[in-house]
Amino acid sequence: MIPLTQPIDFTLNGRVAIVTGAGSGIGRGIALGLAHAGANLVVAGRTAETLEAVGNEVGKIGRKLLAVPADVTDSGDIEVVVRRALETFGRIDILVNNAGGGGGLGQKFRRAPLLDTSEAEMLATFALNFNSVVLLSRAVVPAMQAQGGGSIVNVASMAGRDHDHPMPGSGMYGAAKAAVILFTKSLAITLADDNIRAHCIVPGYFLEYDPTTDEEWQQLRDRGRFTPVGRIGYASEVGPLAVFLASDAASYMTGQVVCMDGGGLAGGIAPIQLAPTVPL
């Protein structure tokens, strides 16, 4: 039994975390949050330049980082990421499956009617948003089992969480993210005996790039005002949540789906990241 007076430990000192899609946006925010908490990092993504930039920031924090350019939809690349992580650090304590996107095939998110979505795009969207989560989880679990435990944090989307209000034109993306949520719960149950915990972060609307025009800034302000807190989120705010879920402070939590959306889902104002259909 854990004593009631035991100090709560939010640090990740000496632990090793793999973070996918860590070169920008929420992935970068999570990577830097884990580094500030004491973790050494293995960052994986398609763009070497952005991974190197994150590496420079992590180095300033005083942590070690291994950057591995990889396509997380490719099982061969995934094997390389895990092997190099183990060769470099000797262990894997945390996996953050963050890489994802709405368009597949290297496209940015787009909303499209079903009949305008090609079969290739459907398959690519699932490969990036769901298959990669399964493949990476399967690849790291043996190492976590061998060392006595670990933590997996998956990143989904409100498009997959709010089942009663699906996002128009995003059926493939929303379905893939809903699959991530259910898979996370299954992981938690399946791996509990191995002391491996699994959680899912569901972000609302976050600023993942620096707007370059006044019009872009105004669009962000307009979208943010429909949430109860009155603004959009910042990628750096997701980092502390990932730290908590991966730390010993959350040792009695597993299988949880944690929404971080400025109160949008609770308030029912803009639960699918869209303006309300009726005047406020």
C-alpha atoms as a PDB file:
ATOM      1  CA  MET A   1       0.000   0.000   0.000  1.00  0.00           C
ATOM      2  CA  ILE A   2       1.234   3.514  -0.842  1.00  0.00           C
ATOM      3  CA  PRO A   3       1.426   5.685   2.309  1.00  0.00           C
ATOM      4  CA  LEU A   4      -0.907   8.681   2.306  1.00  0.00           C
ATOM      5  CA  THR A   5       2.048  10.872   3.237  1.00  0.00           C
ATOM      6  CA  GLN A   6       4.168   9.829   0.256  1.00  0.00           C
ATOM      7  CA  PRO A   7       5.393  12.905  -1.681  1.00  0.00           C
ATOM      8  CA  ILE A   8       3.801  13.388  -5.072  1.00  0.00           C
ATOM      9  CA  ASP A   9       6.439  13.095  -7.794  1.00  0.00           C
ATOM     10  CA  PHE A  10       5.761  15.030 -10.993  1.00  0.00           C
ATOM     11  CA  THR A  11       9.326  14.690 -12.279  1.00  0.00           C
ATOM     12  CA  LEU A  12      10.610  12.424 -15.024  1.00  0.00           C
ATOM     13  CA  ASN A  13      14.280  12.471 -14.080  1.00  0.00           C
ATOM     14  CA  GLY A  14      16.262   9.719 -15.790  1.00  0.00           C
ATOM     15  CA  ARG A  15      13.390   8.556 -17.955  1.00  0.00           C
ATOM     16  CA  VAL A  16      13.408   8.218 -21.721  1.00  0.00           C
ATOM     17  CA  ALA A  17      10.496   9.326 -23.897  1.00  0.00           C
ATOM     18  CA  ILE A  18       9.742   8.780 -27.568  1.00  0.00           C
ATOM     19  CA  VAL A  19       7.621  11.565 -29.052  1.00  0.00           C
ATOM     20  CA  THR A  20       6.324  11.385 -32.630  1.00  0.00           C
ATOM     21  CA  GLY A  21       5.489  14.462 -34.650  1.00  0.00           C
ATOM     22  CA  ALA A  22       7.705  16.401 -32.270  1.00  0.00           C
ATOM     23  CA  GLY A  23       8.979  18.950 -34.760  1.00  0.00           C
ATOM     24  CA  SER A  24       6.107  21.394 -34.416  1.00  0.00           C
ATOM     25  CA  GLY A  25       2.807  22.219 -32.752  1.00  0.00           C
ATOM     26  CA  ILE A  26       1.490  20.062 -29.937  1.00  0.00           C
ATOM     27  CA  GLY A  27       4.231  17.470 -30.423  1.00  0.00           C
ATOM     28  CA  ARG A  28       6.901  20.099 -29.885  1.00  0.00           C
ATOM     29  CA  GLY A  29       5.053  21.432 -26.834  1.00  0.00           C
ATOM     30  CA  ILE A  30       4.891  17.955 -25.337  1.00  0.00           C
ATOM     31  CA  ALA A  31       8.546  17.222 -26.091  1.00  0.00           C
ATOM     32  CA  LEU A  32       9.714  20.405 -24.399  1.00  0.00           C
ATOM     33  CA  GLY A  33       7.400  19.788 -21.435  1.00  0.00           C
ATOM     34  CA  LEU A  34       8.846  16.313 -20.908  1.00  0.00           C
ATOM     35  CA  ALA A  35      12.388  17.688 -21.172  1.00  0.00           C
ATOM     36  CA  HIS A  36      11.677  20.387 -18.583  1.00  0.00           C
ATOM     37  CA  ALA A  37      10.413  17.611 -16.279  1.00  0.00           C
ATOM     38  CA  GLY A  38      13.710  15.730 -16.606  1.00  0.00           C
ATOM     39  CA  ALA A  39      13.229  13.246 -19.441  1.00  0.00           C
ATOM     40  CA  ASN A  40      15.688  12.520 -22.208  1.00  0.00           C
ATOM     41  CA  LEU A  41      14.036  12.378 -25.605  1.00  0.00           C
ATOM     42  CA  VAL A  42      13.851  10.441 -28.829  1.00  0.00           C
ATOM     43  CA  VAL A  43      11.952  12.568 -31.337  1.00  0.00           C
ATOM     44  CA  ALA A  44      10.638  11.145 -34.578  1.00  0.00           C
ATOM     45  CA  GLY A  45       9.132  12.916 -37.552  1.00  0.00           C
ATOM     46  CA  ARG A  46       9.412  13.395 -41.278  1.00  0.00           C
ATOM     47  CA  THR A  47      11.314  16.696 -41.286  1.00  0.00           C
ATOM     48  CA  ALA A  48      14.898  16.549 -40.041  1.00  0.00           C
ATOM     49  CA  GLU A  49      15.231  20.346 -39.838  1.00  0.00           C
ATOM     50  CA  THR A  50      12.372  20.794 -37.367  1.00  0.00           C
ATOM     51  CA  LEU A  51      13.605  17.883 -35.258  1.00  0.00           C
ATOM     52  CA  GLU A  52      17.052  19.495 -35.103  1.00  0.00           C
ATOM     53  CA  ALA A  53      15.477  22.776 -33.978  1.00  0.00           C
ATOM     54  CA  VAL A  54      13.686  20.978 -31.143  1.00  0.00           C
ATOM     55  CA  GLY A  55      16.966  19.272 -30.320  1.00  0.00           C
ATOM     56  CA  ASN A  56      18.669  22.635 -29.879  1.00  0.00           C
ATOM     57  CA  GLU A  57      15.948  23.746 -27.465  1.00  0.00           C
ATOM     58  CA  VAL A  58      16.146  20.502 -25.495  1.00  0.00           C
ATOM     59  CA  GLY A  59      19.922  20.873 -25.289  1.00  0.00           C
ATOM     60  CA  LYS A  60      19.509  24.300 -23.704  1.00  0.00           C
ATOM     61  CA  ILE A  61      17.297  22.690 -21.057  1.00  0.00           C
ATOM     62  CA  GLY A  62      20.137  20.291 -20.283  1.00  0.00           C
ATOM     63  CA  ARG A  63      18.598  17.059 -21.561  1.00  0.00           C
ATOM     64  CA  LYS A  64      19.796  14.581 -24.142  1.00  0.00           C
ATOM     65  CA  LEU A  65      17.964  14.142 -27.421  1.00  0.00           C
ATOM     66  CA  LEU A  66      18.146  11.675 -30.273  1.00  0.00           C
ATOM     67  CA  ALA A  67      16.440  12.825 -33.476  1.00  0.00           C
ATOM     68  CA  VAL A  68      15.320  10.086 -35.867  1.00  0.00           C
ATOM     69  CA  PRO A  69      13.725  11.155 -39.160  1.00  0.00           C
ATOM     70  CA  ALA A  70      10.990   8.588 -39.767  1.00  0.00           C
ATOM     71  CA  ASP A  71       7.675   7.881 -41.422  1.00  0.00           C
ATOM     72  CA  VAL A  72       5.536   6.554 -38.576  1.00  0.00           C
ATOM     73  CA  THR A  73       3.249   4.768 -41.008  1.00  0.00           C
ATOM     74  CA  ASP A  74       6.176   2.557 -42.046  1.00  0.00           C
ATOM     75  CA  SER A  75       6.796  -0.402 -39.728  1.00  0.00           C
ATOM     76  CA  GLY A  76      10.427  -0.533 -40.861  1.00  0.00           C
ATOM     77  CA  ASP A  77      11.026   3.079 -39.829  1.00  0.00           C
ATOM     78  CA  ILE A  78       9.307   2.405 -36.516  1.00  0.00           C
ATOM     79  CA  GLU A  79      11.655  -0.502 -35.820  1.00  0.00           C
ATOM     80  CA  VAL A  80      14.596   1.809 -36.476  1.00  0.00           C
ATOM     81  CA  VAL A  81      13.268   4.435 -34.044  1.00  0.00           C
ATOM     82  CA  VAL A  82      12.807   1.883 -31.245  1.00  0.00           C
ATOM     83  CA  ARG A  83      16.127   0.144 -31.901  1.00  0.00           C
ATOM     84  CA  ARG A  84      18.088   3.396 -31.897  1.00  0.00           C
ATOM     85  CA  ALA A  85      16.325   4.530 -28.730  1.00  0.00           C
ATOM     86  CA  LEU A  86      17.366   1.349 -26.942  1.00  0.00           C
ATOM     87  CA  GLU A  87      20.906   1.473 -28.334  1.00  0.00           C
ATOM     88  CA  THR A  88      21.330   5.078 -27.203  1.00  0.00           C
ATOM     89  CA  PHE A  89      19.539   5.135 -23.853  1.00  0.00           C
ATOM     90  CA  GLY A  90      19.026   1.475 -22.928  1.00  0.00           C
ATOM     91  CA  ARG A  91      15.354   1.884 -22.043  1.00  0.00           C
ATOM     92  CA  ILE A  92      12.004   3.377 -23.111  1.00  0.00           C
ATOM     93  CA  ASP A  93       9.789   4.669 -20.309  1.00  0.00           C
ATOM     94  CA  ILE A  94       7.312   6.852 -22.198  1.00  0.00           C
ATOM     95  CA  LEU A  95       5.767   6.778 -25.647  1.00  0.00           C
ATOM     96  CA  VAL A  96       3.796   9.764 -26.922  1.00  0.00           C
ATOM     97  CA  ASN A  97       1.919   8.977 -30.131  1.00  0.00           C
ATOM     98  CA  ASN A  98       1.284  12.495 -31.371  1.00  0.00           C
ATOM     99  CA  ALA A  99       1.893  12.341 -35.133  1.00  0.00           C
ATOM    100  CA  GLY A 100      -1.295  12.790 -37.119  1.00  0.00           C
ATOM    101  CA  GLY A 101      -3.214  14.882 -39.586  1.00  0.00           C
ATOM    102  CA  GLY A 102      -6.478  15.081 -41.419  1.00  0.00           C
ATOM    103  CA  GLY A 103      -5.525  14.771 -45.051  1.00  0.00           C
ATOM    104  CA  GLY A 104      -3.156  11.831 -45.230  1.00  0.00           C
ATOM    105  CA  LEU A 105      -0.851  11.626 -48.249  1.00  0.00           C
ATOM    106  CA  GLY A 106       1.189  14.482 -46.788  1.00  0.00           C
ATOM    107  CA  GLN A 107      -1.730  16.902 -46.984  1.00  0.00           C
ATOM    108  CA  LYS A 108      -2.906  19.371 -44.382  1.00  0.00           C
ATOM    109  CA  PHE A 109      -6.277  18.838 -42.751  1.00  0.00           C
ATOM    110  CA  ARG A 110      -9.162  19.322 -45.116  1.00  0.00           C
ATOM    111  CA  ARG A 111     -12.881  18.746 -44.849  1.00  0.00           C
ATOM    112  CA  ALA A 112     -14.282  16.879 -47.821  1.00  0.00           C
ATOM    113  CA  PRO A 113     -17.511  15.066 -48.666  1.00  0.00           C
ATOM    114  CA  LEU A 114     -17.243  11.291 -48.684  1.00  0.00           C
ATOM    115  CA  LEU A 115     -17.603  11.073 -52.453  1.00  0.00           C
ATOM    116  CA  ASP A 116     -14.721  13.543 -52.898  1.00  0.00           C
ATOM    117  CA  THR A 117     -12.391  11.461 -50.725  1.00  0.00           C
ATOM    118  CA  SER A 118     -10.308   8.949 -52.647  1.00  0.00           C
ATOM    119  CA  GLU A 119      -9.629   5.453 -51.403  1.00  0.00           C
ATOM    120  CA  ALA A 120      -5.935   6.295 -51.188  1.00  0.00           C
ATOM    121  CA  GLU A 121      -6.707   9.292 -48.976  1.00  0.00           C
ATOM    122  CA  MET A 122      -8.964   7.206 -46.724  1.00  0.00           C
ATOM    123  CA  LEU A 123      -6.260   4.586 -46.223  1.00  0.00           C
ATOM    124  CA  ALA A 124      -3.528   7.184 -45.715  1.00  0.00           C
ATOM    125  CA  THR A 125      -5.576   9.035 -43.107  1.00  0.00           C
ATOM    126  CA  PHE A 126      -6.075   5.856 -41.096  1.00  0.00           C
ATOM    127  CA  ALA A 127      -2.433   4.848 -41.538  1.00  0.00           C
ATOM    128  CA  LEU A 128      -1.182   8.143 -40.123  1.00  0.00           C
ATOM    129  CA  ASN A 129      -3.713   8.680 -37.350  1.00  0.00           C
ATOM    130  CA  PHE A 130      -4.461   5.147 -36.160  1.00  0.00           C
ATOM    131  CA  ASN A 131      -2.166   2.496 -37.616  1.00  0.00           C
ATOM    132  CA  SER A 132       0.927   4.404 -36.499  1.00  0.00           C
ATOM    133  CA  VAL A 133      -0.357   4.405 -32.907  1.00  0.00           C
ATOM    134  CA  VAL A 134      -0.856   0.640 -32.981  1.00  0.00           C
ATOM    135  CA  LEU A 135       2.493  -0.075 -34.645  1.00  0.00           C
ATOM    136  CA  LEU A 136       4.508   2.131 -32.286  1.00  0.00           C
ATOM    137  CA  SER A 137       2.740   0.828 -29.188  1.00  0.00           C
ATOM    138  CA  ARG A 138       3.387  -2.749 -30.269  1.00  0.00           C
ATOM    139  CA  ALA A 139       7.041  -1.925 -30.919  1.00  0.00           C
ATOM    140  CA  VAL A 140       7.766  -0.388 -27.495  1.00  0.00           C
ATOM    141  CA  VAL A 141       5.728  -2.695 -25.254  1.00  0.00           C
ATOM    142  CA  PRO A 142       8.327  -5.514 -25.098  1.00  0.00           C
ATOM    143  CA  ALA A 143      10.964  -3.080 -23.803  1.00  0.00           C
ATOM    144  CA  MET A 144       8.543  -1.669 -21.237  1.00  0.00           C
ATOM    145  CA  GLN A 145       7.581  -5.161 -20.102  1.00  0.00           C
ATOM    146  CA  ALA A 146      11.237  -6.141 -19.712  1.00  0.00           C
ATOM    147  CA  GLN A 147      12.033  -3.097 -17.547  1.00  0.00           C
ATOM    148  CA  GLY A 148       8.944  -3.405 -15.366  1.00  0.00           C
ATOM    149  CA  GLY A 149       6.569  -0.799 -16.731  1.00  0.00           C
ATOM    150  CA  GLY A 150       6.017   2.340 -18.728  1.00  0.00           C
ATOM    151  CA  SER A 151       3.507   4.902 -19.915  1.00  0.00           C
ATOM    152  CA  ILE A 152       1.836   5.433 -23.286  1.00  0.00           C
ATOM    153  CA  VAL A 153       0.138   8.745 -24.067  1.00  0.00           C
ATOM    154  CA  ASN A 154      -1.847   8.970 -27.287  1.00  0.00           C
ATOM    155  CA  VAL A 155      -3.089  12.220 -28.810  1.00  0.00           C
ATOM    156  CA  ALA A 156      -6.546  12.100 -30.408  1.00  0.00           C
ATOM    157  CA  SER A 157      -8.910  14.931 -31.381  1.00  0.00           C
ATOM    158  CA  MET A 158     -12.284  16.387 -30.556  1.00  0.00           C
ATOM    159  CA  ALA A 159     -13.268  15.145 -34.021  1.00  0.00           C
ATOM    160  CA  GLY A 160     -13.107  11.625 -32.571  1.00  0.00           C
ATOM    161  CA  ARG A 161     -14.300  12.376 -29.046  1.00  0.00           C
ATOM    162  CA  ASP A 162     -17.606  14.176 -29.523  1.00  0.00           C
ATOM    163  CA  HIS A 163     -19.594  11.324 -31.005  1.00  0.00           C
ATOM    164  CA  ASP A 164     -22.891  13.198 -30.856  1.00  0.00           C
ATOM    165  CA  HIS A 165     -21.587  16.124 -32.926  1.00  0.00           C
ATOM    166  CA  PRO A 166     -19.311  14.757 -35.656  1.00  0.00           C
ATOM    167  CA  MET A 167     -17.321  17.327 -37.564  1.00  0.00           C
ATOM    168  CA  PRO A 168     -18.812  17.798 -41.053  1.00  0.00           C
ATOM    169  CA  GLY A 169     -16.641  16.452 -43.843  1.00  0.00           C
ATOM    170  CA  SER A 170     -14.083  14.789 -41.574  1.00  0.00           C
ATOM    171  CA  GLY A 171     -15.440  11.255 -41.414  1.00  0.00           C
ATOM    172  CA  MET A 172     -12.142   9.459 -42.019  1.00  0.00           C
ATOM    173  CA  TYR A 173     -10.132  11.659 -39.651  1.00  0.00           C
ATOM    174  CA  GLY A 174     -12.787  11.578 -36.934  1.00  0.00           C
ATOM    175  CA  ALA A 175     -13.212   7.817 -37.252  1.00  0.00           C
ATOM    176  CA  ALA A 176      -9.451   7.286 -37.015  1.00  0.00           C
ATOM    177  CA  LYS A 177      -9.187   9.454 -33.894  1.00  0.00           C
ATOM    178  CA  ALA A 178     -12.185   7.688 -32.327  1.00  0.00           C
ATOM    179  CA  ALA A 179     -10.327   4.434 -32.940  1.00  0.00           C
ATOM    180  CA  VAL A 180      -7.310   5.859 -31.109  1.00  0.00           C
ATOM    181  CA  ILE A 181      -9.484   6.585 -28.076  1.00  0.00           C
ATOM    182  CA  LEU A 182     -10.921   3.070 -27.962  1.00  0.00           C
ATOM    183  CA  PHE A 183      -7.509   1.516 -28.606  1.00  0.00           C
ATOM    184  CA  THR A 184      -6.065   3.494 -25.697  1.00  0.00           C
ATOM    185  CA  LYS A 185      -8.663   2.050 -23.333  1.00  0.00           C
ATOM    186  CA  SER A 186      -7.967  -1.437 -24.643  1.00  0.00           C
ATOM    187  CA  LEU A 187      -4.228  -0.927 -24.114  1.00  0.00           C
ATOM    188  CA  ALA A 188      -4.811   0.180 -20.538  1.00  0.00           C
ATOM    189  CA  ILE A 189      -6.788  -2.943 -19.696  1.00  0.00           C
ATOM    190  CA  THR A 190      -4.524  -5.335 -21.580  1.00  0.00           C
ATOM    191  CA  LEU A 191      -1.237  -4.020 -20.164  1.00  0.00           C
ATOM    192  CA  ALA A 192      -2.258  -3.194 -16.590  1.00  0.00           C
ATOM    193  CA  ASP A 193      -0.636  -6.362 -15.238  1.00  0.00           C
ATOM    194  CA  ASP A 194       2.646  -5.273 -16.841  1.00  0.00           C
ATOM    195  CA  ASN A 195       2.561  -1.923 -15.013  1.00  0.00           C
ATOM    196  CA  ILE A 196       2.118  -0.133 -18.336  1.00  0.00           C
ATOM    197  CA  ARG A 197      -0.397   2.709 -18.235  1.00  0.00           C
ATOM    198  CA  ALA A 198      -2.142   4.261 -21.238  1.00  0.00           C
ATOM    199  CA  HIS A 199      -3.959   7.569 -21.575  1.00  0.00           C
ATOM    200  CA  CYS A 200      -5.393   9.701 -24.345  1.00  0.00           C
ATOM    201  CA  ILE A 201      -5.185  13.482 -24.618  1.00  0.00           C
ATOM    202  CA  VAL A 202      -7.967  15.072 -26.664  1.00  0.00           C
ATOM    203  CA  PRO A 203      -7.013  18.622 -27.669  1.00  0.00           C
ATOM    204  CA  GLY A 204      -9.480  21.248 -28.761  1.00  0.00           C
ATOM    205  CA  TYR A 205      -8.374  24.088 -31.006  1.00  0.00           C
ATOM    206  CA  PHE A 206      -4.715  24.998 -30.492  1.00  0.00           C
ATOM    207  CA  LEU A 207      -2.363  27.499 -32.042  1.00  0.00           C
ATOM    208  CA  GLU A 208       0.168  25.303 -33.822  1.00  0.00           C
ATOM    209  CA  TYR A 209       1.837  27.925 -35.998  1.00  0.00           C
ATOM    210  CA  ASP A 210       2.692  31.608 -35.845  1.00  0.00           C
ATOM    211  CA  PRO A 211       0.169  33.639 -37.856  1.00  0.00           C
ATOM    212  CA  THR A 212       1.826  35.869 -40.436  1.00  0.00           C
ATOM    213  CA  THR A 213      -0.992  38.288 -41.278  1.00  0.00           C
ATOM    214  CA  ASP A 214      -3.543  40.366 -39.403  1.00  0.00           C
ATOM    215  CA  GLU A 215      -6.271  38.354 -41.106  1.00  0.00           C
ATOM    216  CA  GLU A 216      -4.885  35.084 -39.699  1.00  0.00           C
ATOM    217  CA  TRP A 217      -4.675  36.571 -36.212  1.00  0.00           C
ATOM    218  CA  GLN A 218      -8.283  37.757 -36.488  1.00  0.00           C
ATOM    219  CA  GLN A 219      -9.417  34.290 -37.586  1.00  0.00           C
ATOM    220  CA  LEU A 220      -7.758  32.792 -34.517  1.00  0.00           C
ATOM    221  CA  ARG A 221      -9.362  35.340 -32.207  1.00  0.00           C
ATOM    222  CA  ASP A 222     -12.766  34.747 -33.796  1.00  0.00           C
ATOM    223  CA  ARG A 223     -12.498  31.009 -33.353  1.00  0.00           C
ATOM    224  CA  GLY A 224     -11.252  31.254 -29.780  1.00  0.00           C
ATOM    225  CA  ARG A 225     -14.087  33.462 -28.590  1.00  0.00           C
ATOM    226  CA  PHE A 226     -16.565  30.588 -28.993  1.00  0.00           C
ATOM    227  CA  THR A 227     -14.960  28.608 -26.158  1.00  0.00           C
ATOM    228  CA  PRO A 228     -15.951  29.291 -22.532  1.00  0.00           C
ATOM    229  CA  VAL A 229     -12.436  30.491 -21.659  1.00  0.00           C
ATOM    230  CA  GLY A 230     -12.594  32.898 -24.584  1.00  0.00           C
ATOM    231  CA  ARG A 231      -9.425  31.960 -26.423  1.00  0.00           C
ATOM    232  CA  ILE A 232      -7.622  29.209 -28.301  1.00  0.00           C
ATOM    233  CA  GLY A 233      -5.043  26.993 -26.626  1.00  0.00           C
ATOM    234  CA  TYR A 234      -1.270  27.139 -26.938  1.00  0.00           C
ATOM    235  CA  ALA A 235       0.775  24.049 -27.730  1.00  0.00           C
ATOM    236  CA  SER A 236       2.999  24.605 -24.696  1.00  0.00           C
ATOM    237  CA  GLU A 237      -0.049  24.085 -22.457  1.00  0.00           C
ATOM    238  CA  VAL A 238      -0.325  20.424 -23.469  1.00  0.00           C
ATOM    239  CA  GLY A 239       3.181  19.646 -22.216  1.00  0.00           C
ATOM    240  CA  PRO A 240       2.375  19.767 -18.479  1.00  0.00           C
ATOM    241  CA  LEU A 241      -0.652  17.497 -18.995  1.00  0.00           C
ATOM    242  CA  ALA A 242       1.519  14.923 -20.772  1.00  0.00           C
ATOM    243  CA  VAL A 243       4.071  15.170 -17.965  1.00  0.00           C
ATOM    244  CA  PHE A 244       1.416  14.469 -15.341  1.00  0.00           C
ATOM    245  CA  LEU A 245      -0.037  11.487 -17.197  1.00  0.00           C
ATOM    246  CA  ALA A 246       3.431   9.989 -17.738  1.00  0.00           C
ATOM    247  CA  SER A 247       4.656  10.628 -14.185  1.00  0.00           C
ATOM    248  CA  ASP A 248       4.284   8.670 -10.971  1.00  0.00           C
ATOM    249  CA  ALA A 249       1.805  11.303  -9.829  1.00  0.00           C
ATOM    250  CA  ALA A 250      -0.712   9.557 -12.106  1.00  0.00           C
ATOM    251  CA  SER A 251       0.222   6.023 -11.034  1.00  0.00           C
ATOM    252  CA  TYR A 252      -3.401   5.203 -10.099  1.00  0.00           C
ATOM    253  CA  MET A 253      -4.718   6.422 -13.462  1.00  0.00           C
ATOM    254  CA  THR A 254      -4.938   4.420 -16.647  1.00  0.00           C
ATOM    255  CA  GLY A 255      -7.289   4.263 -19.611  1.00  0.00           C
ATOM    256  CA  GLN A 256      -8.382   7.872 -19.179  1.00  0.00           C
ATOM    257  CA  VAL A 257      -9.458  10.236 -21.965  1.00  0.00           C
ATOM    258  CA  VAL A 258      -8.567  13.786 -20.965  1.00  0.00           C
ATOM    259  CA  CYS A 259     -10.076  16.653 -22.964  1.00  0.00           C
ATOM    260  CA  MET A 260      -8.176  19.939 -23.110  1.00  0.00           C
ATOM    261  CA  ASP A 261     -10.429  22.253 -25.060  1.00  0.00           C
ATOM    262  CA  GLY A 262     -11.032  25.447 -23.116  1.00  0.00           C
ATOM    263  CA  GLY A 263     -14.339  24.090 -21.854  1.00  0.00           C
ATOM    264  CA  GLY A 264     -15.848  23.707 -25.325  1.00  0.00           C
ATOM    265  CA  LEU A 265     -17.168  20.196 -24.822  1.00  0.00           C
ATOM    266  CA  ALA A 266     -18.489  20.885 -21.326  1.00  0.00           C
ATOM    267  CA  GLY A 267     -20.137  24.122 -22.386  1.00  0.00           C
ATOM    268  CA  GLY A 268     -21.600  22.740 -25.583  1.00  0.00           C
ATOM    269  CA  ILE A 269     -20.740  25.989 -27.318  1.00  0.00           C
ATOM    270  CA  ALA A 270     -18.258  24.848 -29.945  1.00  0.00           C
ATOM    271  CA  PRO A 271     -17.523  21.216 -29.157  1.00  0.00           C
ATOM    272  CA  ILE A 272     -16.335  20.421 -32.648  1.00  0.00           C
ATOM    273  CA  GLN A 273     -14.152  23.497 -33.046  1.00  0.00           C
ATOM    274  CA  LEU A 274     -16.721  25.311 -35.166  1.00  0.00           C
ATOM    275  CA  ALA A 275     -18.726  28.461 -34.590  1.00  0.00           C
ATOM    276  CA  PRO A 276     -22.168  27.798 -33.101  1.00  0.00           C
ATOM    277  CA  THR A 277     -25.041  27.472 -35.531  1.00  0.00           C
ATOM    278  CA  VAL A 278     -27.237  29.863 -33.536  1.00  0.00           C
ATOM    279  CA  PRO A 279     -26.376  33.364 -32.297  1.00  0.00           C
ATOM    280  CA  LEU A 280     -25.040  33.546 -28.749  1.00  0.00           C
END
